[in-house]
Amino acid sequence: MTSASAQLRHLIDAAAPFWTGEAEVFRNYWNWERRSRETDRRWLALQCSKEIWGSGLAPLDKGIFLGPAEQLVAAFPRIDISLDRREVLDIAEGLRAEFAHYCAFADAHDALALPGEPKLNPHAVKTAWKEDLELSALRFAHKRENAKLGDRATRFTEGGYCTLFSEGMALKHKTQGPHGRSNALIAEACANVYEDEFGHMLKGIVGLDAEGLTTAEWETLKRMALEQLHGRIRMRNAQFGAPLEGVTLERALAGRCDPIAFDYAKAGSRLAA
């Protein structure tokens, strides 16, 4: 991505401190004195909710499994007649990826169960938590305000630059101690998801420079993205039981963390593949 425009680089630079803020939630949680098997199972279950039902990525009653599944059924009579096969393949691959992510985190959750504790299922995790519903509502509001830019902002902020998955993968080096087994399970789940999520993040970037956005539209897109990233930190902090609080939380929400360095080389290699 060496050819990224100044406007796109400015958007990425503005987002980077918020990505760090989201990463701080996980870094604090891994070593938190209040972390337990139960809190691990709680956040894993909530992550499964996001992987099935989304957060402003799809209608709340269909989520990101049922919605694409219905699209595939409706698309079948139109394949290579009025609908290109590659469009249908994109839907199918997206459905497969999101369900694989659900499976990865559900497997980790269920592996931490005690005898007699129930396994997860998509219906048991349908109800999201307050901060996640607020993030969904914000994304839908942005899409109503401006359909194109609201959708772009939602895709740009999806996954929060994969910080949950990169920070979770790093737990493979911490498999000793009281959380060793949980760390190993979480690291494996995150490793199974990371590359897909990096690709999803790129979908929010690919083609932005080709859309010919005006200066005002770039500013609107940045405002929407930063509002959503602010909401993501609140959502993640609640998901993990509020390991960030006080000045640390305020700093993250204000975008005052040291920015994550965006990997333009990795992004460029993925786009070229």
Protein backbone atom coordinates (compact mmCIF):
# COMPACT_ATOMS: atom_id res chain seq x y z
CA MET A 1 0.00 0.00 0.00
CA THR A 2 2.85 2.39 -0.73
CA SER A 3 0.52 4.25 -3.10
CA ALA A 4 -2.07 5.12 -0.43
CA SER A 5 -3.18 8.73 -0.70
CA ALA A 6 -2.44 11.38 1.90
CA GLN A 7 -6.13 11.39 2.85
CA LEU A 8 -6.19 7.63 3.45
CA ARG A 9 -2.97 7.77 5.46
CA HIS A 10 -4.46 10.61 7.51
CA LEU A 11 -7.52 8.46 8.26
CA ILE A 12 -5.35 5.53 9.31
CA ASP A 13 -3.16 7.78 11.48
CA ALA A 14 -6.26 9.18 13.19
CA ALA A 15 -7.56 5.68 13.90
CA ALA A 16 -4.29 4.19 15.17
CA PRO A 17 -4.41 5.54 18.77
CA PHE A 18 -7.92 4.11 19.17
CA TRP A 19 -6.70 0.72 17.94
CA THR A 20 -4.09 0.89 20.70
CA GLY A 21 -6.81 1.81 23.19
CA GLU A 22 -8.73 -1.32 22.24
CA ALA A 23 -5.55 -3.41 22.54
CA GLU A 24 -5.02 -1.98 26.05
CA VAL A 25 -8.29 -3.63 27.14
CA PHE A 26 -6.90 -7.07 26.31
CA ARG A 27 -3.39 -6.42 27.64
CA ASN A 28 -4.82 -5.33 30.99
CA TYR A 29 -7.28 -8.20 31.11
CA TRP A 30 -4.72 -10.98 30.54
CA ASN A 31 -2.89 -10.03 33.77
CA TRP A 32 -5.90 -8.74 35.71
CA GLU A 33 -6.31 -10.00 39.26
CA ARG A 34 -10.05 -10.41 38.66
CA ARG A 35 -9.55 -12.69 35.65
CA SER A 36 -10.88 -16.23 36.15
CA ARG A 37 -12.16 -19.23 34.24
CA GLU A 38 -15.64 -17.75 34.55
CA THR A 39 -14.65 -14.35 33.17
CA ASP A 40 -12.85 -16.05 30.28
CA ARG A 41 -15.99 -18.03 29.45
CA ARG A 42 -18.06 -14.86 29.67
CA TRP A 43 -16.03 -12.84 27.16
CA LEU A 44 -15.70 -15.84 24.86
CA ALA A 45 -19.49 -16.26 24.85
CA LEU A 46 -19.93 -12.56 24.08
CA GLN A 47 -17.41 -12.86 21.25
CA CYS A 48 -19.47 -15.72 19.85
CA SER A 49 -22.47 -13.39 19.91
CA LYS A 50 -20.56 -10.93 17.75
CA GLU A 51 -19.45 -13.66 15.34
CA ILE A 52 -23.03 -14.82 14.74
CA TRP A 53 -25.13 -11.69 15.16
CA GLY A 54 -22.66 -8.92 14.30
CA SER A 55 -22.49 -5.37 15.62
CA GLY A 56 -24.20 -3.18 13.08
CA LEU A 57 -22.90 -5.31 10.22
CA ALA A 58 -26.26 -6.94 9.42
CA PRO A 59 -29.93 -6.74 10.41
CA LEU A 60 -30.27 -7.65 14.09
CA ASP A 61 -32.84 -10.38 13.41
CA LYS A 62 -30.63 -12.17 10.87
CA GLY A 63 -27.05 -11.48 11.86
CA ILE A 64 -24.05 -12.48 9.78
CA PHE A 65 -25.01 -16.14 9.41
CA LEU A 66 -28.70 -16.23 8.57
CA GLY A 67 -28.55 -13.10 6.40
CA PRO A 68 -25.88 -14.42 3.99
CA ALA A 69 -27.47 -17.89 4.06
CA GLU A 70 -30.72 -16.39 2.79
CA GLN A 71 -28.78 -14.38 0.21
CA LEU A 72 -27.27 -17.59 -1.14
CA VAL A 73 -30.65 -19.27 -1.44
CA ALA A 74 -32.06 -16.24 -3.26
CA ALA A 75 -28.97 -16.00 -5.48
CA PHE A 76 -28.99 -19.56 -6.79
CA PRO A 77 -31.53 -19.06 -9.62
CA ARG A 78 -29.63 -15.97 -10.79
CA ILE A 79 -26.05 -17.31 -10.89
CA ASP A 80 -24.37 -16.34 -14.18
CA ILE A 81 -27.70 -15.05 -15.48
CA SER A 82 -28.14 -11.76 -13.66
CA LEU A 83 -25.58 -12.29 -10.91
CA ASP A 84 -21.89 -12.98 -11.40
CA ARG A 85 -20.62 -16.23 -9.88
CA ARG A 86 -17.82 -14.38 -8.08
CA GLU A 87 -20.34 -12.26 -6.18
CA VAL A 88 -22.01 -15.45 -4.98
CA LEU A 89 -18.64 -16.93 -4.05
CA ASP A 90 -17.87 -13.85 -1.96
CA ILE A 91 -21.11 -14.35 -0.02
CA ALA A 92 -20.37 -18.04 0.52
CA GLU A 93 -16.79 -17.40 1.60
CA GLY A 94 -17.91 -14.67 4.00
CA LEU A 95 -20.49 -16.97 5.57
CA ARG A 96 -17.95 -19.76 5.93
CA ALA A 97 -15.36 -17.44 7.50
CA GLU A 98 -17.72 -15.91 10.06
CA PHE A 99 -19.06 -19.29 11.13
CA ALA A 100 -15.52 -20.65 11.41
CA HIS A 101 -14.77 -17.75 13.77
CA TYR A 102 -17.81 -18.62 15.86
CA CYS A 103 -16.61 -22.24 16.00
CA ALA A 104 -13.11 -21.20 17.10
CA PHE A 105 -14.31 -19.16 20.06
CA ALA A 106 -17.16 -21.53 20.94
CA ASP A 107 -14.67 -24.42 21.04
CA ALA A 108 -12.44 -22.46 23.45
CA HIS A 109 -15.46 -21.59 25.60
CA ASP A 110 -16.70 -25.18 25.75
CA ALA A 111 -13.23 -26.55 26.48
CA LEU A 112 -13.22 -24.46 29.68
CA ALA A 113 -16.52 -25.92 30.89
CA LEU A 114 -16.83 -27.91 34.07
CA PRO A 115 -18.80 -31.18 33.99
CA GLY A 116 -22.49 -30.40 33.53
CA GLU A 117 -22.01 -26.87 32.18
CA PRO A 118 -23.85 -26.45 28.86
CA LYS A 119 -22.21 -25.92 25.49
CA LEU A 120 -22.82 -22.74 23.56
CA ASN A 121 -25.26 -22.44 20.69
CA PRO A 122 -26.06 -19.43 18.47
CA HIS A 123 -29.47 -18.92 20.08
CA ALA A 124 -28.02 -18.80 23.59
CA VAL A 125 -25.80 -15.84 22.64
CA LYS A 126 -28.33 -13.85 20.61
CA THR A 127 -28.72 -11.06 23.16
CA ALA A 128 -25.79 -8.65 22.98
CA TRP A 129 -24.61 -6.45 25.83
CA LYS A 130 -25.54 -2.79 26.20
CA GLU A 131 -22.31 -1.31 24.81
CA ASP A 132 -22.38 -3.64 21.81
CA LEU A 133 -25.98 -2.67 21.06
CA GLU A 134 -24.94 0.99 21.31
CA LEU A 135 -22.16 0.37 18.79
CA SER A 136 -24.66 -1.32 16.47
CA ALA A 137 -27.06 1.59 16.81
CA LEU A 138 -24.29 4.08 16.04
CA ARG A 139 -23.30 2.19 12.90
CA PHE A 140 -26.89 2.03 11.67
CA ALA A 141 -27.28 5.76 12.42
CA HIS A 142 -24.20 6.53 10.33
CA LYS A 143 -25.60 4.47 7.46
CA ARG A 144 -28.86 6.40 7.65
CA GLU A 145 -26.94 9.68 7.66
CA ASN A 146 -24.91 8.70 4.59
CA ALA A 147 -25.31 5.19 3.22
CA LYS A 148 -21.98 5.07 1.36
CA LEU A 149 -19.80 6.67 4.01
CA GLY A 150 -21.58 4.95 6.89
CA ASP A 151 -20.97 1.57 5.30
CA ARG A 152 -17.34 2.47 4.61
CA ALA A 153 -16.82 3.57 8.22
CA THR A 154 -18.37 0.35 9.51
CA ARG A 155 -16.13 -1.80 7.35
CA PHE A 156 -13.08 0.31 8.18
CA THR A 157 -13.64 -0.13 11.93
CA GLU A 158 -14.62 -3.82 11.81
CA GLY A 159 -12.25 -5.82 13.98
CA GLY A 160 -10.41 -2.81 15.43
CA TYR A 161 -7.27 -3.56 13.39
CA CYS A 162 -7.48 -7.19 14.61
CA THR A 163 -6.12 -6.25 18.05
CA LEU A 164 -8.09 -8.91 19.94
CA PHE A 165 -6.67 -11.57 17.67
CA SER A 166 -3.07 -10.34 17.61
CA GLU A 167 -3.03 -9.82 21.39
CA GLY A 168 -4.72 -13.17 21.92
CA MET A 169 -2.22 -14.96 19.67
CA ALA A 170 0.60 -13.62 21.85
CA LEU A 171 -0.73 -15.70 24.76
CA LYS A 172 0.91 -18.76 23.20
CA HIS A 173 4.03 -17.61 25.08
CA LYS A 174 2.14 -17.60 28.42
CA THR A 175 0.89 -21.15 28.83
CA GLN A 176 2.27 -21.60 32.33
CA GLY A 177 0.65 -20.37 35.53
CA PRO A 178 -2.98 -20.12 36.66
CA HIS A 179 -4.35 -19.15 33.23
CA GLY A 180 -2.03 -21.33 31.17
CA ARG A 181 -4.70 -23.63 29.74
CA SER A 182 -7.05 -20.75 28.95
CA ASN A 183 -4.20 -18.85 27.31
CA ALA A 184 -3.38 -21.79 25.07
CA LEU A 185 -7.02 -22.18 24.00
CA ILE A 186 -7.46 -18.44 23.40
CA ALA A 187 -4.19 -18.22 21.43
CA GLU A 188 -5.27 -21.09 19.19
CA ALA A 189 -8.72 -19.57 18.58
CA CYS A 190 -7.24 -16.16 17.77
CA ALA A 191 -4.64 -17.66 15.43
CA ASN A 192 -7.44 -19.40 13.53
CA VAL A 193 -9.22 -16.07 13.04
CA TYR A 194 -6.46 -13.49 12.59
CA GLU A 195 -5.71 -13.77 8.87
CA ASP A 196 -9.42 -13.74 7.94
CA GLU A 197 -9.98 -10.67 10.10
CA PHE A 198 -7.00 -8.86 8.62
CA GLY A 199 -8.59 -9.45 5.21
CA HIS A 200 -11.93 -8.17 6.47
CA MET A 201 -10.22 -5.04 7.76
CA LEU A 202 -8.70 -4.45 4.35
CA LYS A 203 -12.15 -4.55 2.78
CA GLY A 204 -12.82 -1.31 4.60
CA ILE A 205 -9.77 0.23 2.93
CA VAL A 206 -9.68 -1.29 -0.56
CA GLY A 207 -10.97 1.13 -3.16
CA LEU A 208 -11.28 4.15 -0.88
CA ASP A 209 -8.85 6.16 -2.96
CA ALA A 210 -10.69 5.18 -6.13
CA GLU A 211 -14.01 6.57 -4.91
CA GLY A 212 -13.03 10.17 -5.51
CA LEU A 213 -14.17 11.42 -2.12
CA THR A 214 -14.25 15.15 -1.61
CA THR A 215 -12.40 16.79 1.26
CA ALA A 216 -15.70 17.10 3.11
CA GLU A 217 -16.48 13.42 2.57
CA TRP A 218 -13.07 12.38 3.90
CA GLU A 219 -13.76 14.45 7.02
CA THR A 220 -17.19 12.89 7.44
CA LEU A 221 -15.72 9.41 7.03
CA LYS A 222 -13.06 10.19 9.63
CA ARG A 223 -15.64 11.51 12.09
CA MET A 224 -17.79 8.41 11.69
CA ALA A 225 -14.82 6.06 11.98
CA LEU A 226 -13.48 7.71 15.15
CA GLU A 227 -16.93 7.72 16.75
CA GLN A 228 -17.23 4.01 16.02
CA LEU A 229 -13.72 3.29 17.31
CA HIS A 230 -14.55 5.17 20.51
CA GLY A 231 -17.64 2.94 20.79
CA ARG A 232 -15.52 -0.14 20.15
CA ILE A 233 -13.32 0.60 23.19
CA ARG A 234 -16.38 0.95 25.40
CA MET A 235 -17.81 -2.26 23.91
CA ARG A 236 -14.58 -4.23 24.46
CA ASN A 237 -14.06 -2.91 27.98
CA ALA A 238 -17.56 -4.05 28.95
CA GLN A 239 -17.10 -7.39 27.18
CA PHE A 240 -14.01 -8.10 29.30
CA GLY A 241 -15.49 -6.95 32.60
CA ALA A 242 -14.00 -3.42 32.65
CA PRO A 243 -10.25 -4.02 33.12
CA LEU A 244 -9.71 -0.39 32.04
CA GLU A 245 -10.95 2.30 34.40
CA GLY A 246 -10.20 5.80 35.56
CA VAL A 247 -7.44 7.72 33.82
CA THR A 248 -6.39 4.69 31.77
CA LEU A 249 -9.86 4.32 30.28
CA GLU A 250 -10.22 8.07 29.72
CA ARG A 251 -6.91 8.14 27.86
CA ALA A 252 -7.99 5.28 25.59
CA LEU A 253 -11.38 6.82 24.85
CA ALA A 254 -9.80 10.17 24.06
CA GLY A 255 -7.42 8.62 21.52
CA ARG A 256 -4.33 9.58 23.50
CA CYS A 257 -2.59 6.18 23.44
CA ASP A 258 0.62 5.73 21.47
CA PRO A 259 -0.58 4.77 17.99
CA ILE A 260 -0.23 1.30 16.55
CA ALA A 261 1.96 1.30 13.45
CA PHE A 262 -0.19 0.25 10.50
CA ASP A 263 1.52 -2.54 8.54
CA TYR A 264 1.41 -1.12 5.02
CA ALA A 265 3.70 -3.88 3.74
CA LYS A 266 1.44 -6.68 4.97
CA ALA A 267 -1.64 -4.84 3.70
CA GLY A 268 -0.02 -4.37 0.31
CA SER A 269 0.96 -8.03 0.02
CA ARG A 270 -2.58 -9.13 0.89
CA LEU A 271 -4.09 -6.76 -1.66
CA ALA A 272 -1.71 -8.02 -4.33
CA ALA A 273 -2.43 -11.70 -3.62
